Amino acid sequence: MATDAAAILSVYSGVLTLLIGVIGFFLVRTFKELDNKVSAKEFESTLRDIEKNTDDIRRIKDNYLTKDDFFREQTKTEKKLDDMLKILMDLSKGG
Protein backbone atom coordinates (compact mmCIF):
# COMPACT_ATOMS: atom_id res chain seq x y z
CA MET A 1 0.00 0.00 0.00
CA ALA A 2 2.86 2.36 0.81
CA THR A 3 4.46 1.67 -2.53
CA ASP A 4 1.19 2.35 -4.34
CA ALA A 5 0.87 5.75 -2.63
CA ALA A 6 4.50 6.54 -3.41
CA ALA A 7 4.01 5.56 -7.05
CA ILE A 8 0.84 7.66 -7.34
CA LEU A 9 2.59 10.60 -5.68
CA SER A 10 5.52 10.20 -8.06
CA VAL A 11 3.20 10.18 -11.10
CA TYR A 12 1.33 13.23 -9.82
CA SER A 13 4.64 15.03 -9.22
CA GLY A 14 5.82 14.21 -12.73
CA VAL A 15 2.55 15.33 -14.33
CA LEU A 16 2.52 18.52 -12.25
CA THR A 17 6.13 19.29 -13.21
CA LEU A 18 5.36 18.69 -16.88
CA LEU A 19 2.23 20.85 -16.66
CA ILE A 20 4.16 23.72 -15.01
CA GLY A 21 6.86 23.44 -17.69
CA VAL A 22 4.30 23.62 -20.52
CA ILE A 23 2.50 26.57 -18.94
CA GLY A 24 5.83 28.35 -18.42
CA PHE A 25 6.83 27.75 -22.04
CA PHE A 26 3.59 29.21 -23.40
CA LEU A 27 3.72 32.18 -21.00
CA VAL A 28 7.27 33.05 -22.08
CA ARG A 29 6.28 32.75 -25.75
CA THR A 30 3.20 34.92 -25.22
CA PHE A 31 5.18 37.62 -23.43
CA LYS A 32 7.79 37.66 -26.20
CA GLU A 33 5.03 38.11 -28.80
CA LEU A 34 3.53 40.96 -26.78
CA ASP A 35 6.94 42.63 -26.48
CA ASN A 36 7.40 42.36 -30.24
CA LYS A 37 3.98 43.92 -30.88
CA VAL A 38 4.71 46.76 -28.45
CA SER A 39 8.12 47.27 -30.02
CA ALA A 40 6.52 47.40 -33.49
CA LYS A 41 4.03 50.03 -32.30
CA GLU A 42 6.80 52.09 -30.71
CA PHE A 43 8.84 51.77 -33.90
CA GLU A 44 5.94 53.00 -36.05
CA SER A 45 5.36 55.89 -33.66
CA THR A 46 9.04 56.79 -33.79
CA LEU A 47 9.00 56.70 -37.60
CA ARG A 48 6.02 59.09 -37.65
CA ASP A 49 7.85 61.46 -35.28
CA ILE A 50 10.98 61.35 -37.45
CA GLU A 51 8.96 62.09 -40.60
CA LYS A 52 7.22 65.01 -38.87
CA ASN A 53 10.53 66.42 -37.68
CA THR A 54 12.03 65.99 -41.15
CA ASP A 55 9.15 67.99 -42.63
CA ASP A 56 9.63 70.69 -39.99
CA ILE A 57 13.35 70.91 -40.73
CA ARG A 58 12.66 71.17 -44.46
CA ARG A 59 10.14 73.95 -43.84
CA ILE A 60 12.54 75.82 -41.55
CA LYS A 61 15.30 75.65 -44.14
CA ASP A 62 12.95 77.14 -46.74
CA ASN A 63 11.52 79.95 -44.60
CA TYR A 64 14.33 81.25 -42.40
CA LEU A 65 17.59 83.12 -42.93
CA THR A 66 20.92 81.49 -42.35
CA LYS A 67 23.46 83.09 -40.07
CA ASP A 68 25.59 84.16 -43.03
CA ASP A 69 22.61 85.75 -44.79
CA PHE A 70 21.76 87.69 -41.64
CA PHE A 71 25.29 89.04 -41.26
CA ARG A 72 25.42 89.96 -44.95
CA GLU A 73 22.18 91.95 -44.70
CA GLN A 74 23.28 93.54 -41.44
CA THR A 75 26.51 94.70 -43.09
CA LYS A 76 24.55 96.25 -45.98
CA THR A 77 22.31 98.12 -43.51
CA GLU A 78 25.30 99.39 -41.52
CA LYS A 79 26.99 100.60 -44.73
CA LYS A 80 23.85 102.52 -45.72
CA LEU A 81 23.67 104.10 -42.27
CA ASP A 82 27.32 105.08 -42.48
CA ASP A 83 26.72 106.65 -45.91
CA MET A 84 23.73 108.60 -44.54
CA LEU A 85 25.79 109.78 -41.58
CA LYS A 86 28.55 110.96 -43.91
CA ILE A 87 26.01 112.89 -46.02
CA LEU A 88 24.55 114.51 -42.89
CA MET A 89 28.02 115.44 -41.61
CA ASP A 90 28.88 117.00 -44.99
CA LEU A 91 25.61 118.97 -44.95
CA SER A 92 26.19 120.18 -41.41
CA LYS A 93 29.67 121.48 -42.38
CA GLY A 94 28.06 123.57 -45.05
CA GLY A 95 29.01 121.57 -48.09
PDB file of N, CA and C in Angstrom:
ATOM      1  N   MET A   1       0.810  -1.183   0.000  1.00  0.00           N
ATOM      2  CA  MET A   1       0.000   0.000   0.000  1.00  0.00           C
ATOM      3  C   MET A   1       0.863   1.260   0.000  1.00  0.00           C
ATOM      4  N   ALA A   2       1.959   1.225   0.739  1.00  0.00           N
ATOM      5  CA  ALA A   2       2.857   2.364   0.814  1.00  0.00           C
ATOM      6  C   ALA A   2       3.532   2.593  -0.521  1.00  0.00           C
ATOM      7  N   THR A   3       3.837   1.506  -1.226  1.00  0.00           N
ATOM      8  CA  THR A   3       4.463   1.666  -2.532  1.00  0.00           C
ATOM      9  C   THR A   3       3.473   2.197  -3.545  1.00  0.00           C
ATOM     10  N   ASP A   4       2.201   1.823  -3.428  1.00  0.00           N
ATOM     11  CA  ASP A   4       1.187   2.352  -4.336  1.00  0.00           C
ATOM     12  C   ASP A   4       1.015   3.858  -4.139  1.00  0.00           C
ATOM     13  N   ALA A   5       1.007   4.322  -2.917  1.00  0.00           N
ATOM     14  CA  ALA A   5       0.871   5.753  -2.629  1.00  0.00           C
ATOM     15  C   ALA A   5       2.105   6.505  -3.124  1.00  0.00           C
ATOM     16  N   ALA A   6       3.273   5.901  -2.945  1.00  0.00           N
ATOM     17  CA  ALA A   6       4.504   6.535  -3.407  1.00  0.00           C
ATOM     18  C   ALA A   6       4.515   6.621  -4.926  1.00  0.00           C
ATOM     19  N   ALA A   7       4.041   5.567  -5.592  1.00  0.00           N
ATOM     20  CA  ALA A   7       4.007   5.559  -7.055  1.00  0.00           C
ATOM     21  C   ALA A   7       3.016   6.596  -7.565  1.00  0.00           C
ATOM     22  N   ILE A   8       1.844   6.674  -6.934  1.00  0.00           N
ATOM     23  CA  ILE A   8       0.836   7.656  -7.343  1.00  0.00           C
ATOM     24  C   ILE A   8       1.360   9.072  -7.116  1.00  0.00           C
ATOM     25  N   LEU A   9       2.019   9.288  -5.973  1.00  0.00           N
ATOM     26  CA  LEU A   9       2.590  10.601  -5.679  1.00  0.00           C
ATOM     27  C   LEU A   9       3.677  10.952  -6.686  1.00  0.00           C
ATOM     28  N   SER A  10       4.470   9.974  -7.073  1.00  0.00           N
ATOM     29  CA  SER A  10       5.519  10.197  -8.058  1.00  0.00           C
ATOM     30  C   SER A  10       4.930  10.557  -9.414  1.00  0.00           C
ATOM     31  N   VAL A  11       3.855   9.875  -9.821  1.00  0.00           N
ATOM     32  CA  VAL A  11       3.198  10.180 -11.098  1.00  0.00           C
ATOM     33  C   VAL A  11       2.592  11.579 -11.049  1.00  0.00           C
ATOM     34  N   TYR A  12       1.905  11.895  -9.963  1.00  0.00           N
ATOM     35  CA  TYR A  12       1.334  13.233  -9.825  1.00  0.00           C
ATOM     36  C   TYR A  12       2.418  14.310  -9.876  1.00  0.00           C
ATOM     37  N   SER A  13       3.530  14.068  -9.209  1.00  0.00           N
ATOM     38  CA  SER A  13       4.642  15.031  -9.222  1.00  0.00           C
ATOM     39  C   SER A  13       5.175  15.215 -10.637  1.00  0.00           C
ATOM     40  N   GLY A  14       5.322  14.127 -11.356  1.00  0.00           N
ATOM     41  CA  GLY A  14       5.816  14.208 -12.733  1.00  0.00           C
ATOM     42  C   GLY A  14       4.857  14.962 -13.642  1.00  0.00           C
ATOM     43  N   VAL A  15       3.558  14.657 -13.511  1.00  0.00           N
ATOM     44  CA  VAL A  15       2.548  15.334 -14.326  1.00  0.00           C
ATOM     45  C   VAL A  15       2.497  16.811 -13.969  1.00  0.00           C
ATOM     46  N   LEU A  16       2.553  17.125 -12.701  1.00  0.00           N
ATOM     47  CA  LEU A  16       2.516  18.515 -12.252  1.00  0.00           C
ATOM     48  C   LEU A  16       3.741  19.280 -12.768  1.00  0.00           C
ATOM     49  N   THR A  17       4.913  18.652 -12.703  1.00  0.00           N
ATOM     50  CA  THR A  17       6.133  19.285 -13.208  1.00  0.00           C
ATOM     51  C   THR A  17       6.027  19.531 -14.703  1.00  0.00           C
ATOM     52  N   LEU A  18       5.541  18.547 -15.439  1.00  0.00           N
ATOM     53  CA  LEU A  18       5.360  18.687 -16.876  1.00  0.00           C
ATOM     54  C   LEU A  18       4.353  19.786 -17.190  1.00  0.00           C
ATOM     55  N   LEU A  19       3.253  19.840 -16.458  1.00  0.00           N
ATOM     56  CA  LEU A  19       2.226  20.854 -16.656  1.00  0.00           C
ATOM     57  C   LEU A  19       2.789  22.253 -16.392  1.00  0.00           C
ATOM     58  N   ILE A  20       3.554  22.409 -15.324  1.00  0.00           N
ATOM     59  CA  ILE A  20       4.162  23.716 -15.006  1.00  0.00           C
ATOM     60  C   ILE A  20       5.154  24.116 -16.099  1.00  0.00           C
ATOM     61  N   GLY A  21       5.916  23.159 -16.603  1.00  0.00           N
ATOM     62  CA  GLY A  21       6.855  23.439 -17.686  1.00  0.00           C
ATOM     63  C   GLY A  21       6.157  23.908 -18.951  1.00  0.00           C
ATOM     64  N   VAL A  22       5.054  23.233 -19.315  1.00  0.00           N
ATOM     65  CA  VAL A  22       4.304  23.615 -20.522  1.00  0.00           C
ATOM     66  C   VAL A  22       3.688  24.999 -20.345  1.00  0.00           C
ATOM     67  N   ILE A  23       3.100  25.255 -19.199  1.00  0.00           N
ATOM     68  CA  ILE A  23       2.501  26.574 -18.935  1.00  0.00           C
ATOM     69  C   ILE A  23       3.578  27.656 -18.983  1.00  0.00           C
ATOM     70  N   GLY A  24       4.721  27.384 -18.387  1.00  0.00           N
ATOM     71  CA  GLY A  24       5.826  28.350 -18.416  1.00  0.00           C
ATOM     72  C   GLY A  24       6.294  28.625 -19.839  1.00  0.00           C
ATOM     73  N   PHE A  25       6.407  27.582 -20.661  1.00  0.00           N
ATOM     74  CA  PHE A  25       6.829  27.747 -22.043  1.00  0.00           C
ATOM     75  C   PHE A  25       5.872  28.663 -22.792  1.00  0.00           C
ATOM     76  N   PHE A  26       4.564  28.406 -22.672  1.00  0.00           N
ATOM     77  CA  PHE A  26       3.587  29.214 -23.396  1.00  0.00           C
ATOM     78  C   PHE A  26       3.518  30.641 -22.856  1.00  0.00           C
ATOM     79  N   LEU A  27       3.709  30.816 -21.546  1.00  0.00           N
ATOM     80  CA  LEU A  27       3.724  32.177 -20.996  1.00  0.00           C
ATOM     81  C   LEU A  27       4.904  32.970 -21.535  1.00  0.00           C
ATOM     82  N   VAL A  28       6.074  32.362 -21.563  1.00  0.00           N
ATOM     83  CA  VAL A  28       7.267  33.047 -22.079  1.00  0.00           C
ATOM     84  C   VAL A  28       7.055  33.415 -23.540  1.00  0.00           C
ATOM     85  N   ARG A  29       6.512  32.488 -24.326  1.00  0.00           N
ATOM     86  CA  ARG A  29       6.276  32.755 -25.746  1.00  0.00           C
ATOM     87  C   ARG A  29       5.262  33.875 -25.930  1.00  0.00           C
ATOM     88  N   THR A  30       4.215  33.881 -25.127  1.00  0.00           N
ATOM     89  CA  THR A  30       3.196  34.923 -25.222  1.00  0.00           C
ATOM     90  C   THR A  30       3.772  36.288 -24.866  1.00  0.00           C
ATOM     91  N   PHE A  31       4.575  36.351 -23.812  1.00  0.00           N
ATOM     92  CA  PHE A  31       5.184  37.621 -23.425  1.00  0.00           C
ATOM     93  C   PHE A  31       6.148  38.127 -24.492  1.00  0.00           C
ATOM     94  N   LYS A  32       6.889  37.241 -25.127  1.00  0.00           N
ATOM     95  CA  LYS A  32       7.785  37.663 -26.205  1.00  0.00           C
ATOM     96  C   LYS A  32       6.995  38.228 -27.378  1.00  0.00           C
ATOM     97  N   GLU A  33       5.868  37.600 -27.718  1.00  0.00           N
ATOM     98  CA  GLU A  33       5.027  38.108 -28.801  1.00  0.00           C
ATOM     99  C   GLU A  33       4.463  39.479 -28.458  1.00  0.00           C
ATOM    100  N   LEU A  34       4.046  39.658 -27.202  1.00  0.00           N
ATOM    101  CA  LEU A  34       3.526  40.964 -26.782  1.00  0.00           C
ATOM    102  C   LEU A  34       4.615  42.024 -26.846  1.00  0.00           C
ATOM    103  N   ASP A  35       5.823  41.680 -26.409  1.00  0.00           N
ATOM    104  CA  ASP A  35       6.936  42.625 -26.483  1.00  0.00           C
ATOM    105  C   ASP A  35       7.212  43.023 -27.922  1.00  0.00           C
ATOM    106  N   ASN A  36       7.159  42.051 -28.836  1.00  0.00           N
ATOM    107  CA  ASN A  36       7.398  42.363 -30.240  1.00  0.00           C
ATOM    108  C   ASN A  36       6.322  43.276 -30.795  1.00  0.00           C
ATOM    109  N   LYS A  37       5.063  43.054 -30.408  1.00  0.00           N
ATOM    110  CA  LYS A  37       3.983  43.918 -30.875  1.00  0.00           C
ATOM    111  C   LYS A  37       4.145  45.324 -30.327  1.00  0.00           C
ATOM    112  N   VAL A  38       4.500  45.441 -29.055  1.00  0.00           N
ATOM    113  CA  VAL A  38       4.714  46.758 -28.453  1.00  0.00           C
ATOM    114  C   VAL A  38       5.890  47.438 -29.124  1.00  0.00           C
ATOM    115  N   SER A  39       6.951  46.691 -29.368  1.00  0.00           N
ATOM    116  CA  SER A  39       8.117  47.269 -30.024  1.00  0.00           C
ATOM    117  C   SER A  39       7.763  47.741 -31.424  1.00  0.00           C
ATOM    118  N   ALA A  40       6.933  47.002 -32.136  1.00  0.00           N
ATOM    119  CA  ALA A  40       6.520  47.405 -33.485  1.00  0.00           C
ATOM    120  C   ALA A  40       5.704  48.693 -33.426  1.00  0.00           C
ATOM    121  N   LYS A  41       4.822  48.808 -32.434  1.00  0.00           N
ATOM    122  CA  LYS A  41       4.026  50.027 -32.298  1.00  0.00           C
ATOM    123  C   LYS A  41       4.924  51.216 -31.965  1.00  0.00           C
ATOM    124  N   GLU A  42       5.868  51.021 -31.052  1.00  0.00           N
ATOM    125  CA  GLU A  42       6.799  52.094 -30.712  1.00  0.00           C
ATOM    126  C   GLU A  42       7.634  52.482 -31.923  1.00  0.00           C
ATOM    127  N   PHE A  43       8.041  51.510 -32.707  1.00  0.00           N
ATOM    128  CA  PHE A  43       8.841  51.770 -33.901  1.00  0.00           C
ATOM    129  C   PHE A  43       8.046  52.600 -34.907  1.00  0.00           C
ATOM    130  N   GLU A  44       6.781  52.232 -35.133  1.00  0.00           N
ATOM    131  CA  GLU A  44       5.935  52.997 -36.050  1.00  0.00           C
ATOM    132  C   GLU A  44       5.737  54.418 -35.544  1.00  0.00           C
ATOM    133  N   SER A  45       5.532  54.565 -34.246  1.00  0.00           N
ATOM    134  CA  SER A  45       5.365  55.892 -33.656  1.00  0.00           C
ATOM    135  C   SER A  45       6.633  56.722 -33.833  1.00  0.00           C
ATOM    136  N   THR A  46       7.770  56.096 -33.629  1.00  0.00           N
ATOM    137  CA  THR A  46       9.044  56.793 -33.794  1.00  0.00           C
ATOM    138  C   THR A  46       9.247  57.208 -35.241  1.00  0.00           C
ATOM    139  N   LEU A  47       8.881  56.347 -36.179  1.00  0.00           N
ATOM    140  CA  LEU A  47       9.002  56.705 -37.599  1.00  0.00           C
ATOM    141  C   LEU A  47       8.124  57.900 -37.950  1.00  0.00           C
ATOM    142  N   ARG A  48       6.899  57.937 -37.399  1.00  0.00           N
ATOM    143  CA  ARG A  48       6.021  59.088 -37.653  1.00  0.00           C
ATOM    144  C   ARG A  48       6.637  60.366 -37.087  1.00  0.00           C
ATOM    145  N   ASP A  49       7.210  60.281 -35.886  1.00  0.00           N
ATOM    146  CA  ASP A  49       7.852  61.457 -35.283  1.00  0.00           C
ATOM    147  C   ASP A  49       9.031  61.929 -36.126  1.00  0.00           C
ATOM    148  N   ILE A  50       9.821  60.995 -36.618  1.00  0.00           N
ATOM    149  CA  ILE A  50      10.978  61.352 -37.445  1.00  0.00           C
ATOM    150  C   ILE A  50      10.518  62.029 -38.730  1.00  0.00           C
ATOM    151  N   GLU A  51       9.483  61.485 -39.355  1.00  0.00           N
ATOM    152  CA  GLU A  51       8.961  62.088 -40.596  1.00  0.00           C
ATOM    153  C   GLU A  51       8.435  63.495 -40.337  1.00  0.00           C
ATOM    154  N   LYS A  52       7.737  63.683 -39.212  1.00  0.00           N
ATOM    155  CA  LYS A  52       7.218  65.009 -38.868  1.00  0.00           C
ATOM    156  C   LYS A  52       8.367  65.984 -38.653  1.00  0.00           C
ATOM    157  N   ASN A  53       9.388  65.548 -37.925  1.00  0.00           N
ATOM    158  CA  ASN A  53      10.534  66.423 -37.682  1.00  0.00           C
ATOM    159  C   ASN A  53      11.283  66.733 -38.970  1.00  0.00           C
ATOM    160  N   THR A  54      11.369  65.760 -39.871  1.00  0.00           N
ATOM    161  CA  THR A  54      12.028  65.987 -41.146  1.00  0.00           C
ATOM    162  C   THR A  54      11.276  67.046 -41.943  1.00  0.00           C
ATOM    163  N   ASP A  55       9.955  66.974 -41.944  1.00  0.00           N
ATOM    164  CA  ASP A  55       9.152  67.986 -42.633  1.00  0.00           C
ATOM    165  C   ASP A  55       9.356  69.360 -42.000  1.00  0.00           C
ATOM    166  N   ASP A  56       9.400  69.417 -40.681  1.00  0.00           N
ATOM    167  CA  ASP A  56       9.629  70.693 -39.989  1.00  0.00           C
ATOM    168  C   ASP A  56      10.986  71.271 -40.351  1.00  0.00           C
ATOM    169  N   ILE A  57      12.002  70.440 -40.387  1.00  0.00           N
ATOM    170  CA  ILE A  57      13.352  70.912 -40.727  1.00  0.00           C
ATOM    171  C   ILE A  57      13.379  71.439 -42.156  1.00  0.00           C
ATOM    172  N   ARG A  58      12.728  70.726 -43.065  1.00  0.00           N
ATOM    173  CA  ARG A  58      12.665  71.171 -44.458  1.00  0.00           C
ATOM    174  C   ARG A  58      11.971  72.529 -44.559  1.00  0.00           C
ATOM    175  N   ARG A  59      10.886  72.688 -43.822  1.00  0.00           N
ATOM    176  CA  ARG A  59      10.136  73.949 -43.835  1.00  0.00           C
ATOM    177  C   ARG A  59      10.973  75.084 -43.242  1.00  0.00           C
ATOM    178  N   ILE A  60      11.687  74.803 -42.180  1.00  0.00           N
ATOM    179  CA  ILE A  60      12.535  75.818 -41.551  1.00  0.00           C
ATOM    180  C   ILE A  60      13.644  76.251 -42.507  1.00  0.00           C
ATOM    181  N   LYS A  61      14.244  75.304 -43.191  1.00  0.00           N
ATOM    182  CA  LYS A  61      15.302  75.654 -44.144  1.00  0.00           C
ATOM    183  C   LYS A  61      14.772  76.562 -45.247  1.00  0.00           C
ATOM    184  N   ASP A  62      13.529  76.340 -45.665  1.00  0.00           N
ATOM    185  CA  ASP A  62      12.951  77.137 -46.742  1.00  0.00           C
ATOM    186  C   ASP A  62      12.535  78.531 -46.285  1.00  0.00           C
ATOM    187  N   ASN A  63      12.143  78.700 -45.040  1.00  0.00           N
ATOM    188  CA  ASN A  63      11.525  79.946 -44.602  1.00  0.00           C
ATOM    189  C   ASN A  63      12.411  80.870 -43.771  1.00  0.00           C
ATOM    190  N   TYR A  64      13.548  80.434 -43.316  1.00  0.00           N
ATOM    191  CA  TYR A  64      14.334  81.248 -42.399  1.00  0.00           C
ATOM    192  C   TYR A  64      15.709  81.573 -42.960  1.00  0.00           C
ATOM    193  N   LEU A  65      16.265  82.694 -42.507  1.00  0.00           N
ATOM    194  CA  LEU A  65      17.594  83.116 -42.927  1.00  0.00           C
ATOM    195  C   LEU A  65      18.672  82.275 -42.264  1.00  0.00           C
ATOM    196  N   THR A  66      19.761  82.125 -42.973  1.00  0.00           N
ATOM    197  CA  THR A  66      20.915  81.494 -42.350  1.00  0.00           C
ATOM    198  C   THR A  66      21.701  82.570 -41.604  1.00  0.00           C
ATOM    199  N   LYS A  67      22.631  82.162 -40.832  1.00  0.00           N
ATOM    200  CA  LYS A  67      23.460  83.091 -40.069  1.00  0.00           C
ATOM    201  C   LYS A  67      24.258  83.982 -41.017  1.00  0.00           C
ATOM    202  N   ASP A  68      24.803  83.389 -42.066  1.00  0.00           N
ATOM    203  CA  ASP A  68      25.591  84.160 -43.033  1.00  0.00           C
ATOM    204  C   ASP A  68      24.735  85.198 -43.756  1.00  0.00           C
ATOM    205  N   ASP A  69      23.508  84.803 -44.132  1.00  0.00           N
ATOM    206  CA  ASP A  69      22.608  85.755 -44.789  1.00  0.00           C
ATOM    207  C   ASP A  69      22.280  86.919 -43.867  1.00  0.00           C
ATOM    208  N   PHE A  70      22.064  86.631 -42.595  1.00  0.00           N
ATOM    209  CA  PHE A  70      21.757  87.689 -41.639  1.00  0.00           C
ATOM    210  C   PHE A  70      22.919  88.671 -41.532  1.00  0.00           C
ATOM    211  N   PHE A  71      24.131  88.154 -41.383  1.00  0.00           N
ATOM    212  CA  PHE A  71      25.291  89.037 -41.257  1.00  0.00           C
ATOM    213  C   PHE A  71      25.515  89.850 -42.531  1.00  0.00           C
ATOM    214  N   ARG A  72      25.272  89.255 -43.683  1.00  0.00           N
ATOM    215  CA  ARG A  72      25.422  89.964 -44.954  1.00  0.00           C
ATOM    216  C   ARG A  72      24.443  91.131 -45.032  1.00  0.00           C
ATOM    217  N   GLU A  73      23.187  90.896 -44.671  1.00  0.00           N
ATOM    218  CA  GLU A  73      22.180  91.955 -44.701  1.00  0.00           C
ATOM    219  C   GLU A  73      22.463  93.017 -43.649  1.00  0.00           C
ATOM    220  N   GLN A  74      22.949  92.597 -42.504  1.00  0.00           N
ATOM    221  CA  GLN A  74      23.278  93.544 -41.441  1.00  0.00           C
ATOM    222  C   GLN A  74      24.422  94.455 -41.890  1.00  0.00           C
ATOM    223  N   THR A  75      25.387  93.905 -42.586  1.00  0.00           N
ATOM    224  CA  THR A  75      26.511  94.696 -43.086  1.00  0.00           C
ATOM    225  C   THR A  75      26.028  95.716 -44.112  1.00  0.00           C
ATOM    226  N   LYS A  76      25.104  95.312 -44.987  1.00  0.00           N
ATOM    227  CA  LYS A  76      24.545  96.247 -45.975  1.00  0.00           C
ATOM    228  C   LYS A  76      23.838  97.401 -45.278  1.00  0.00           C
ATOM    229  N   THR A  77      23.047  97.086 -44.246  1.00  0.00           N
ATOM    230  CA  THR A  77      22.312  98.120 -43.507  1.00  0.00           C
ATOM    231  C   THR A  77      23.275  99.071 -42.807  1.00  0.00           C
ATOM    232  N   GLU A  78      24.315  98.541 -42.211  1.00  0.00           N
ATOM    233  CA  GLU A  78      25.296  99.389 -41.524  1.00  0.00           C
ATOM    234  C   GLU A  78      26.018 100.292 -42.519  1.00  0.00           C
ATOM    235  N   LYS A  79      26.326  99.788 -43.705  1.00  0.00           N
ATOM    236  CA  LYS A  79      26.990 100.601 -44.728  1.00  0.00           C
ATOM    237  C   LYS A  79      26.086 101.744 -45.160  1.00  0.00           C
ATOM    238  N   LYS A  80      24.795 101.467 -45.350  1.00  0.00           N
ATOM    239  CA  LYS A  80      23.848 102.521 -45.723  1.00  0.00           C
ATOM    240  C   LYS A  80      23.751 103.578 -44.632  1.00  0.00           C
ATOM    241  N   LEU A  81      23.715 103.141 -43.373  1.00  0.00           N
ATOM    242  CA  LEU A  81      23.666 104.105 -42.270  1.00  0.00           C
ATOM    243  C   LEU A  81      24.933 104.953 -42.219  1.00  0.00           C
ATOM    244  N   ASP A  82      26.059 104.327 -42.457  1.00  0.00           N
ATOM    245  CA  ASP A  82      27.317 105.083 -42.483  1.00  0.00           C
ATOM    246  C   ASP A  82      27.316 106.103 -43.616  1.00  0.00           C
ATOM    247  N   ASP A  83      26.798 105.719 -44.790  1.00  0.00           N
ATOM    248  CA  ASP A  83      26.721 106.652 -45.914  1.00  0.00           C
ATOM    249  C   ASP A  83      25.796 107.815 -45.577  1.00  0.00           C
ATOM    250  N   MET A  84      24.652 107.535 -44.930  1.00  0.00           N
ATOM    251  CA  MET A  84      23.730 108.596 -44.539  1.00  0.00           C
ATOM    252  C   MET A  84      24.373 109.527 -43.515  1.00  0.00           C
ATOM    253  N   LEU A  85      25.100 108.956 -42.583  1.00  0.00           N
ATOM    254  CA  LEU A  85      25.786 109.778 -41.575  1.00  0.00           C
ATOM    255  C   LEU A  85      26.828 110.667 -42.230  1.00  0.00           C
ATOM    256  N   LYS A  86      27.535 110.167 -43.204  1.00  0.00           N
ATOM    257  CA  LYS A  86      28.547 110.963 -43.914  1.00  0.00           C
ATOM    258  C   LYS A  86      27.882 112.118 -44.652  1.00  0.00           C
ATOM    259  N   ILE A  87      26.742 111.829 -45.304  1.00  0.00           N
ATOM    260  CA  ILE A  87      26.015 112.890 -46.017  1.00  0.00           C
ATOM    261  C   ILE A  87      25.539 113.949 -45.030  1.00  0.00           C
ATOM    262  N   LEU A  88      25.017 113.540 -43.895  1.00  0.00           N
ATOM    263  CA  LEU A  88      24.551 114.507 -42.887  1.00  0.00           C
ATOM    264  C   LEU A  88      25.704 115.312 -42.326  1.00  0.00           C
ATOM    265  N   MET A  89      26.842 114.687 -42.121  1.00  0.00           N
ATOM    266  CA  MET A  89      28.020 115.438 -41.614  1.00  0.00           C
ATOM    267  C   MET A  89      28.495 116.443 -42.647  1.00  0.00           C
ATOM    268  N   ASP A  90      28.472 116.057 -43.931  1.00  0.00           N
ATOM    269  CA  ASP A  90      28.877 116.998 -44.988  1.00  0.00           C
ATOM    270  C   ASP A  90      27.909 118.177 -45.069  1.00  0.00           C
ATOM    271  N   LEU A  91      26.599 117.894 -44.923  1.00  0.00           N
ATOM    272  CA  LEU A  91      25.613 118.972 -44.954  1.00  0.00           C
ATOM    273  C   LEU A  91      25.748 119.916 -43.763  1.00  0.00           C
ATOM    274  N   SER A  92      26.076 119.345 -42.595  1.00  0.00           N
ATOM    275  CA  SER A  92      26.188 120.181 -41.406  1.00  0.00           C
ATOM    276  C   SER A  92      27.450 121.061 -41.462  1.00  0.00           C
ATOM    277  N   LYS A  93      28.458 120.687 -42.233  1.00  0.00           N
ATOM    278  CA  LYS A  93      29.674 121.482 -42.377  1.00  0.00           C
ATOM    279  C   LYS A  93      29.479 122.602 -43.409  1.00  0.00           C
ATOM    280  N   GLY A  94      28.362 122.499 -44.100  1.00  0.00           N
ATOM    281  CA  GLY A  94      28.062 123.569 -45.049  1.00  0.00           C
ATOM    282  C   GLY A  94      28.378 123.179 -46.477  1.00  0.00           C
ATOM    283  N   GLY A  95      28.617 121.929 -46.731  1.00  0.00           N
ATOM    284  CA  GLY A  95      29.014 121.575 -48.088  1.00  0.00           C
ATOM    285  C   GLY A  95      28.064 120.686 -48.700  1.00  0.00           C
TER     286      GLY A  95
END
